[in-house]
PDB file of all heavy atoms in Angstrom:
ATOM      1  N   GLY A   1     123.317 -39.450-167.809  1.00  0.00           N
ATOM      2  CA  GLY A   1     122.737 -40.530-167.011  1.00  0.00           C
ATOM      3  C   GLY A   1     122.179 -40.042-165.685  1.00  0.00           C
ATOM      4  O   GLY A   1     122.449 -38.928-165.238  1.00  0.00           O
ATOM      5  N   ASN A   2     121.366 -40.895-165.048  1.00  0.00           N
ATOM      6  CA  ASN A   2     120.765 -40.594-163.759  1.00  0.00           C
ATOM      7  C   ASN A   2     121.596 -41.187-162.625  1.00  0.00           C
ATOM      8  O   ASN A   2     122.254 -42.229-162.789  1.00  0.00           O
ATOM      9  CB  ASN A   2     119.342 -41.147-163.672  1.00  0.00           C
ATOM     10  CG  ASN A   2     118.384 -40.407-164.589  1.00  0.00           C
ATOM     11  OD1 ASN A   2     118.711 -39.336-165.094  1.00  0.00           O
ATOM     12  ND2 ASN A   2     117.217 -40.970-164.808  1.00  0.00           N
ATOM     13  N   TYR A   3     121.528 -40.530-161.476  1.00  0.00           N
ATOM     14  CA  TYR A   3     122.258 -40.970-160.297  1.00  0.00           C
ATOM     15  C   TYR A   3     121.305 -41.043-159.114  1.00  0.00           C
ATOM     16  O   TYR A   3     120.404 -40.220-158.975  1.00  0.00           O
ATOM     17  CB  TYR A   3     123.418 -40.019-159.998  1.00  0.00           C
ATOM     18  CG  TYR A   3     124.495 -40.055-161.055  1.00  0.00           C
ATOM     19  CD1 TYR A   3     124.343 -39.342-162.247  1.00  0.00           C
ATOM     20  CD2 TYR A   3     125.648 -40.817-160.884  1.00  0.00           C
ATOM     21  CE1 TYR A   3     125.320 -39.382-163.230  1.00  0.00           C
ATOM     22  CE2 TYR A   3     126.637 -40.861-161.863  1.00  0.00           C
ATOM     23  CZ  TYR A   3     126.458 -40.139-163.032  1.00  0.00           C
ATOM     24  OH  TYR A   3     127.418 -40.190-164.020  1.00  0.00           O
ATOM     25  N   SER A   4     121.538 -42.036-158.250  1.00  0.00           N
ATOM     26  CA  SER A   4     120.631 -42.287-157.136  1.00  0.00           C
ATOM     27  C   SER A   4     121.328 -42.022-155.811  1.00  0.00           C
ATOM     28  O   SER A   4     122.141 -41.102-155.700  1.00  0.00           O
ATOM     29  CB  SER A   4     120.121 -43.737-157.223  1.00  0.00           C
ATOM     30  OG  SER A   4     119.154 -43.990-156.233  1.00  0.00           O
ATOM     31  N   TYR A   5     121.016 -42.825-154.788  1.00  0.00           N
ATOM     32  CA  TYR A   5     121.548 -42.602-153.451  1.00  0.00           C
ATOM     33  C   TYR A   5     123.074 -42.660-153.443  1.00  0.00           C
ATOM     34  O   TYR A   5     123.690 -43.494-154.107  1.00  0.00           O
ATOM     35  CB  TYR A   5     121.006 -43.659-152.492  1.00  0.00           C
ATOM     36  CG  TYR A   5     119.512 -43.603-152.286  1.00  0.00           C
ATOM     37  CD1 TYR A   5     118.759 -44.772-152.211  1.00  0.00           C
ATOM     38  CD2 TYR A   5     118.847 -42.390-152.153  1.00  0.00           C
ATOM     39  CE1 TYR A   5     117.383 -44.737-152.002  1.00  0.00           C
ATOM     40  CE2 TYR A   5     117.477 -42.336-151.963  1.00  0.00           C
ATOM     41  CZ  TYR A   5     116.751 -43.509-151.886  1.00  0.00           C
ATOM     42  OH  TYR A   5     115.394 -43.465-151.693  1.00  0.00           O
ATOM     43  N   GLY A   6     123.663 -41.750-152.668  1.00  0.00           N
ATOM     44  CA  GLY A   6     125.113 -41.717-152.561  1.00  0.00           C
ATOM     45  C   GLY A   6     125.579 -40.345-152.118  1.00  0.00           C
ATOM     46  O   GLY A   6     124.792 -39.495-151.680  1.00  0.00           O
ATOM     47  N   ARG A   7     126.896 -40.116-152.254  1.00  0.00           N
ATOM     48  CA  ARG A   7     127.491 -38.830-151.861  1.00  0.00           C
ATOM     49  C   ARG A   7     127.889 -38.058-153.112  1.00  0.00           C
ATOM     50  O   ARG A   7     128.617 -38.578-153.971  1.00  0.00           O
ATOM     51  CB  ARG A   7     128.710 -39.056-150.967  1.00  0.00           C
ATOM     52  CG  ARG A   7     129.324 -37.742-150.440  1.00  0.00           C
ATOM     53  CD  ARG A   7     130.515 -38.005-149.529  1.00  0.00           C
ATOM     54  NE  ARG A   7     131.125 -36.763-149.059  1.00  0.00           N
ATOM     55  CZ  ARG A   7     130.818 -36.129-147.928  1.00  0.00           C
ATOM     56  NH1 ARG A   7     129.894 -36.645-147.133  1.00  0.00           N
ATOM     57  NH2 ARG A   7     131.421 -35.013-147.574  1.00  0.00           N
ATOM     58  N   TYR A   8     127.418 -36.821-153.190  1.00  0.00           N
ATOM     59  CA  TYR A   8     127.690 -35.930-154.306  1.00  0.00           C
ATOM     60  C   TYR A   8     128.594 -34.806-153.806  1.00  0.00           C
ATOM     61  O   TYR A   8     128.283 -34.167-152.791  1.00  0.00           O
ATOM     62  CB  TYR A   8     126.394 -35.336-154.848  1.00  0.00           C
ATOM     63  CG  TYR A   8     125.413 -36.349-155.413  1.00  0.00           C
ATOM     64  CD1 TYR A   8     124.658 -37.163-154.566  1.00  0.00           C
ATOM     65  CD2 TYR A   8     125.218 -36.463-156.785  1.00  0.00           C
ATOM     66  CE1 TYR A   8     123.740 -38.078-155.077  1.00  0.00           C
ATOM     67  CE2 TYR A   8     124.304 -37.360-157.307  1.00  0.00           C
ATOM     68  CZ  TYR A   8     123.574 -38.165-156.445  1.00  0.00           C
ATOM     69  OH  TYR A   8     122.670 -39.067-156.959  1.00  0.00           O
ATOM     70  N   GLU A   9     129.684 -34.543-154.517  1.00  0.00           N
ATOM     71  CA  GLU A   9     130.606 -33.480-154.119  1.00  0.00           C
ATOM     72  C   GLU A   9     130.906 -32.569-155.297  1.00  0.00           C
ATOM     73  O   GLU A   9     130.921 -33.012-156.456  1.00  0.00           O
ATOM     74  CB  GLU A   9     131.917 -34.064-153.578  1.00  0.00           C
ATOM     75  CG  GLU A   9     131.763 -34.832-152.276  1.00  0.00           C
ATOM     76  CD  GLU A   9     133.096 -35.233-151.667  1.00  0.00           C
ATOM     77  OE1 GLU A   9     134.145 -35.028-152.317  1.00  0.00           O
ATOM     78  OE2 GLU A   9     133.103 -35.748-150.529  1.00  0.00           O
ATOM     79  N   VAL A  10     131.145 -31.300-154.991  1.00  0.00           N
ATOM     80  CA  VAL A  10     131.522 -30.333-156.021  1.00  0.00           C
ATOM     81  C   VAL A  10     132.490 -29.336-155.400  1.00  0.00           C
ATOM     82  O   VAL A  10     132.339 -28.947-154.242  1.00  0.00           O
ATOM     83  CB  VAL A  10     130.285 -29.601-156.588  1.00  0.00           C
ATOM     84  CG1 VAL A  10     129.541 -28.832-155.499  1.00  0.00           C
ATOM     85  CG2 VAL A  10     130.668 -28.676-157.730  1.00  0.00           C
ATOM     86  N   ILE A  11     133.493 -28.949-156.166  1.00  0.00           N
ATOM     87  CA  ILE A  11     134.367 -27.838-155.801  1.00  0.00           C
ATOM     88  C   ILE A  11     134.022 -26.709-156.755  1.00  0.00           C
ATOM     89  O   ILE A  11     134.210 -26.831-157.968  1.00  0.00           O
ATOM     90  CB  ILE A  11     135.854 -28.224-155.894  1.00  0.00           C
ATOM     91  CG1 ILE A  11     136.165 -29.355-154.906  1.00  0.00           C
ATOM     92  CG2 ILE A  11     136.734 -27.006-155.594  1.00  0.00           C
ATOM     93  CD1 ILE A  11     137.604 -29.848-154.972  1.00  0.00           C
ATOM     94  N   MET A  12     133.494 -25.617-156.218  1.00  0.00           N
ATOM     95  CA  MET A  12     132.967 -24.559-157.071  1.00  0.00           C
ATOM     96  C   MET A  12     133.137 -23.197-156.423  1.00  0.00           C
ATOM     97  O   MET A  12     133.375 -23.073-155.220  1.00  0.00           O
ATOM     98  CB  MET A  12     131.484 -24.801-157.388  1.00  0.00           C
ATOM     99  CG  MET A  12     130.580 -24.760-156.153  1.00  0.00           C
ATOM    100  SD  MET A  12     128.803 -24.858-156.545  1.00  0.00           S
ATOM    101  CE  MET A  12     128.524 -23.249-157.287  1.00  0.00           C
ATOM    102  N   ARG A  13     132.984 -22.168-157.254  1.00  0.00           N
ATOM    103  CA  ARG A  13     133.001 -20.766-156.819  1.00  0.00           C
ATOM    104  C   ARG A  13     131.823 -20.076-157.500  1.00  0.00           C
ATOM    105  O   ARG A  13     131.809 -19.952-158.731  1.00  0.00           O
ATOM    106  CB  ARG A  13     134.321 -20.099-157.219  1.00  0.00           C
ATOM    107  CG  ARG A  13     134.413 -18.626-156.790  1.00  0.00           C
ATOM    108  CD  ARG A  13     135.763 -18.009-157.192  1.00  0.00           C
ATOM    109  NE  ARG A  13     135.881 -17.771-158.621  1.00  0.00           N
ATOM    110  CZ  ARG A  13     136.710 -18.422-159.433  1.00  0.00           C
ATOM    111  NH1 ARG A  13     137.497 -19.382-158.972  1.00  0.00           N
ATOM    112  NH2 ARG A  13     136.757 -18.132-160.724  1.00  0.00           N
ATOM    113  N   PRO A  14     130.805 -19.646-156.766  1.00  0.00           N
ATOM    114  CA  PRO A  14     129.611 -19.085-157.393  1.00  0.00           C
ATOM    115  C   PRO A  14     129.864 -17.727-158.033  1.00  0.00           C
ATOM    116  O   PRO A  14     130.819 -17.024-157.710  1.00  0.00           O
ATOM    117  CB  PRO A  14     128.616 -18.959-156.222  1.00  0.00           C
ATOM    118  CG  PRO A  14     129.487 -18.839-155.017  1.00  0.00           C
ATOM    119  CD  PRO A  14     130.696 -19.679-155.295  1.00  0.00           C
ATOM    120  N   ALA A  15     128.972 -17.367-158.948  1.00  0.00           N
ATOM    121  CA  ALA A  15     129.033 -16.068-159.619  1.00  0.00           C
ATOM    122  C   ALA A  15     128.697 -14.961-158.635  1.00  0.00           C
ATOM    123  O   ALA A  15     127.888 -15.132-157.726  1.00  0.00           O
ATOM    124  CB  ALA A  15     128.072 -16.030-160.795  1.00  0.00           C
ATOM    125  N   ARG A  16     129.322 -13.819-158.848  1.00  0.00           N
ATOM    126  CA  ARG A  16     129.034 -12.642-158.024  1.00  0.00           C
ATOM    127  C   ARG A  16     128.193 -11.667-158.856  1.00  0.00           C
ATOM    128  O   ARG A  16     128.433 -11.484-160.041  1.00  0.00           O
ATOM    129  CB  ARG A  16     130.333 -11.979-157.579  1.00  0.00           C
ATOM    130  CG  ARG A  16     130.136 -10.937-156.477  1.00  0.00           C
ATOM    131  CD  ARG A  16     131.412 -10.149-156.244  1.00  0.00           C
ATOM    132  NE  ARG A  16     132.528 -10.956-155.808  1.00  0.00           N
ATOM    133  CZ  ARG A  16     132.750 -11.334-154.547  1.00  0.00           C
ATOM    134  NH1 ARG A  16     131.893 -10.993-153.606  1.00  0.00           N
ATOM    135  NH2 ARG A  16     133.813 -12.053-154.229  1.00  0.00           N
ATOM    136  N   GLY A  17     127.219 -11.025-158.203  1.00  0.00           N
ATOM    137  CA  GLY A  17     126.402 -10.022-158.882  1.00  0.00           C
ATOM    138  C   GLY A  17     124.928 -10.243-158.638  1.00  0.00           C
ATOM    139  O   GLY A  17     124.419 -11.361-158.818  1.00  0.00           O
ATOM    140  N   SER A  18     124.228  -9.193-158.231  1.00  0.00           N
ATOM    141  CA  SER A  18     122.802  -9.296-157.954  1.00  0.00           C
ATOM    142  C   SER A  18     122.037  -9.735-159.201  1.00  0.00           C
ATOM    143  O   SER A  18     122.290  -9.267-160.310  1.00  0.00           O
ATOM    144  CB  SER A  18     122.279  -7.946-157.478  1.00  0.00           C
ATOM    145  OG  SER A  18     120.897  -7.997-157.233  1.00  0.00           O
ATOM    146  N   GLY A  19     121.103 -10.652-158.995  1.00  0.00           N
ATOM    147  CA  GLY A  19     120.303 -11.175-160.093  1.00  0.00           C
ATOM    148  C   GLY A  19     120.762 -12.516-160.607  1.00  0.00           C
ATOM    149  O   GLY A  19     120.072 -13.129-161.418  1.00  0.00           O
ATOM    150  N   THR A  20     121.925 -13.001-160.144  1.00  0.00           N
ATOM    151  CA  THR A  20     122.466 -14.265-160.642  1.00  0.00           C
ATOM    152  C   THR A  20     122.245 -15.392-159.636  1.00  0.00           C
ATOM    153  O   THR A  20     122.110 -15.160-158.438  1.00  0.00           O
ATOM    154  CB  THR A  20     123.967 -14.155-160.934  1.00  0.00           C
ATOM    155  OG1 THR A  20     124.681 -13.946-159.704  1.00  0.00           O
ATOM    156  CG2 THR A  20     124.248 -12.996-161.877  1.00  0.00           C
ATOM    157  N   VAL A  21     122.234 -16.624-160.171  1.00  0.00           N
ATOM    158  CA  VAL A  21     122.105 -17.826-159.361  1.00  0.00           C
ATOM    159  C   VAL A  21     123.136 -18.836-159.848  1.00  0.00           C
ATOM    160  O   VAL A  21     123.288 -19.036-161.058  1.00  0.00           O
ATOM    161  CB  VAL A  21     120.693 -18.441-159.460  1.00  0.00           C
ATOM    162  CG1 VAL A  21     120.569 -19.670-158.560  1.00  0.00           C
ATOM    163  CG2 VAL A  21     119.632 -17.419-159.113  1.00  0.00           C
ATOM    164  N   SER A  22     123.835 -19.470-158.908  1.00  0.00           N
ATOM    165  CA  SER A  22     124.796 -20.528-159.238  1.00  0.00           C
ATOM    166  C   SER A  22     124.366 -21.787-158.494  1.00  0.00           C
ATOM    167  O   SER A  22     124.074 -21.732-157.295  1.00  0.00           O
ATOM    168  CB  SER A  22     126.216 -20.135-158.816  1.00  0.00           C
ATOM    169  OG  SER A  22     126.593 -18.898-159.388  1.00  0.00           O
ATOM    170  N   SER A  23     124.355 -22.933-159.205  1.00  0.00           N
ATOM    171  CA  SER A  23     123.761 -24.131-158.623  1.00  0.00           C
ATOM    172  C   SER A  23     124.583 -25.386-158.889  1.00  0.00           C
ATOM    173  O   SER A  23     125.327 -25.479-159.874  1.00  0.00           O
ATOM    174  CB  SER A  23     122.352 -24.355-159.188  1.00  0.00           C
ATOM    175  OG  SER A  23     121.543 -23.226-159.045  1.00  0.00           O
ATOM    176  N   PHE A  24     124.369 -26.361-157.995  1.00  0.00           N
ATOM    177  CA  PHE A  24     124.797 -27.741-158.195  1.00  0.00           C
ATOM    178  C   PHE A  24     123.656 -28.587-157.649  1.00  0.00           C
ATOM    179  O   PHE A  24     123.268 -28.442-156.486  1.00  0.00           O
ATOM    180  CB  PHE A  24     126.098 -28.025-157.446  1.00  0.00           C
ATOM    181  CG  PHE A  24     126.530 -29.469-157.516  1.00  0.00           C
ATOM    182  CD1 PHE A  24     127.120 -29.968-158.676  1.00  0.00           C
ATOM    183  CD2 PHE A  24     126.359 -30.316-156.434  1.00  0.00           C
ATOM    184  CE1 PHE A  24     127.514 -31.301-158.754  1.00  0.00           C
ATOM    185  CE2 PHE A  24     126.756 -31.645-156.502  1.00  0.00           C
ATOM    186  CZ  PHE A  24     127.336 -32.136-157.660  1.00  0.00           C
ATOM    187  N   PHE A  25     123.095 -29.480-158.492  1.00  0.00           N
ATOM    188  CA  PHE A  25     121.890 -30.179-158.047  1.00  0.00           C
ATOM    189  C   PHE A  25     121.618 -31.428-158.872  1.00  0.00           C
ATOM    190  O   PHE A  25     122.210 -31.638-159.946  1.00  0.00           O
ATOM    191  CB  PHE A  25     120.678 -29.248-158.117  1.00  0.00           C
ATOM    192  CG  PHE A  25     120.360 -28.712-159.504  1.00  0.00           C
ATOM    193  CD1 PHE A  25     119.315 -29.224-160.250  1.00  0.00           C
ATOM    194  CD2 PHE A  25     121.100 -27.662-160.047  1.00  0.00           C
ATOM    195  CE1 PHE A  25     119.016 -28.716-161.508  1.00  0.00           C
ATOM    196  CE2 PHE A  25     120.804 -27.147-161.300  1.00  0.00           C
ATOM    197  CZ  PHE A  25     119.760 -27.678-162.031  1.00  0.00           C
ATOM    198  N   THR A  26     120.726 -32.261-158.344  1.00  0.00           N
ATOM    199  CA  THR A  26     120.176 -33.385-159.093  1.00  0.00           C
ATOM    200  C   THR A  26     118.743 -33.037-159.458  1.00  0.00           C
ATOM    201  O   THR A  26     118.045 -32.342-158.710  1.00  0.00           O
ATOM    202  CB  THR A  26     120.190 -34.682-158.263  1.00  0.00           C
ATOM    203  OG1 THR A  26     119.357 -34.510-157.098  1.00  0.00           O
ATOM    204  CG2 THR A  26     121.603 -35.023-157.818  1.00  0.00           C
ATOM    205  N   TYR A  27     118.288 -33.547-160.609  1.00  0.00           N
ATOM    206  CA  TYR A  27     116.942 -33.185-161.055  1.00  0.00           C
ATOM    207  C   TYR A  27     116.422 -34.226-162.035  1.00  0.00           C
ATOM    208  O   TYR A  27     117.156 -34.760-162.884  1.00  0.00           O
ATOM    209  CB  TYR A  27     116.948 -31.818-161.742  1.00  0.00           C
ATOM    210  CG  TYR A  27     115.665 -31.513-162.496  1.00  0.00           C
ATOM    211  CD1 TYR A  27     114.549 -31.012-161.830  1.00  0.00           C
ATOM    212  CD2 TYR A  27     115.566 -31.759-163.866  1.00  0.00           C
ATOM    213  CE1 TYR A  27     113.368 -30.754-162.510  1.00  0.00           C
ATOM    214  CE2 TYR A  27     114.391 -31.505-164.551  1.00  0.00           C
ATOM    215  CZ  TYR A  27     113.287 -31.001-163.869  1.00  0.00           C
ATOM    216  OH  TYR A  27     112.124 -30.760-164.547  1.00  0.00           O
ATOM    217  N   THR A  28     115.133 -34.503-161.908  1.00  0.00           N
ATOM    218  CA  THR A  28     114.375 -35.186-162.943  1.00  0.00           C
ATOM    219  C   THR A  28     112.947 -34.661-162.886  1.00  0.00           C
ATOM    220  O   THR A  28     112.506 -34.174-161.843  1.00  0.00           O
ATOM    221  CB  THR A  28     114.404 -36.712-162.780  1.00  0.00           C
ATOM    222  OG1 THR A  28     113.852 -37.324-163.954  1.00  0.00           O
ATOM    223  CG2 THR A  28     113.614 -37.164-161.557  1.00  0.00           C
ATOM    224  N   GLY A  29     112.242 -34.724-164.025  1.00  0.00           N
ATOM    225  CA  GLY A  29     110.908 -34.150-164.060  1.00  0.00           C
ATOM    226  C   GLY A  29     110.121 -34.592-165.267  1.00  0.00           C
ATOM    227  O   GLY A  29     110.465 -35.583-165.937  1.00  0.00           O
TER     228      GLY A  29
END
């Protein structure tokens, strides 16, 4: 489902190592 205005929270630990990307985001397209 889609989410609109509000507060978004995440507890996370990103990946280590050159070349990698770790994300938390909203998206539509």
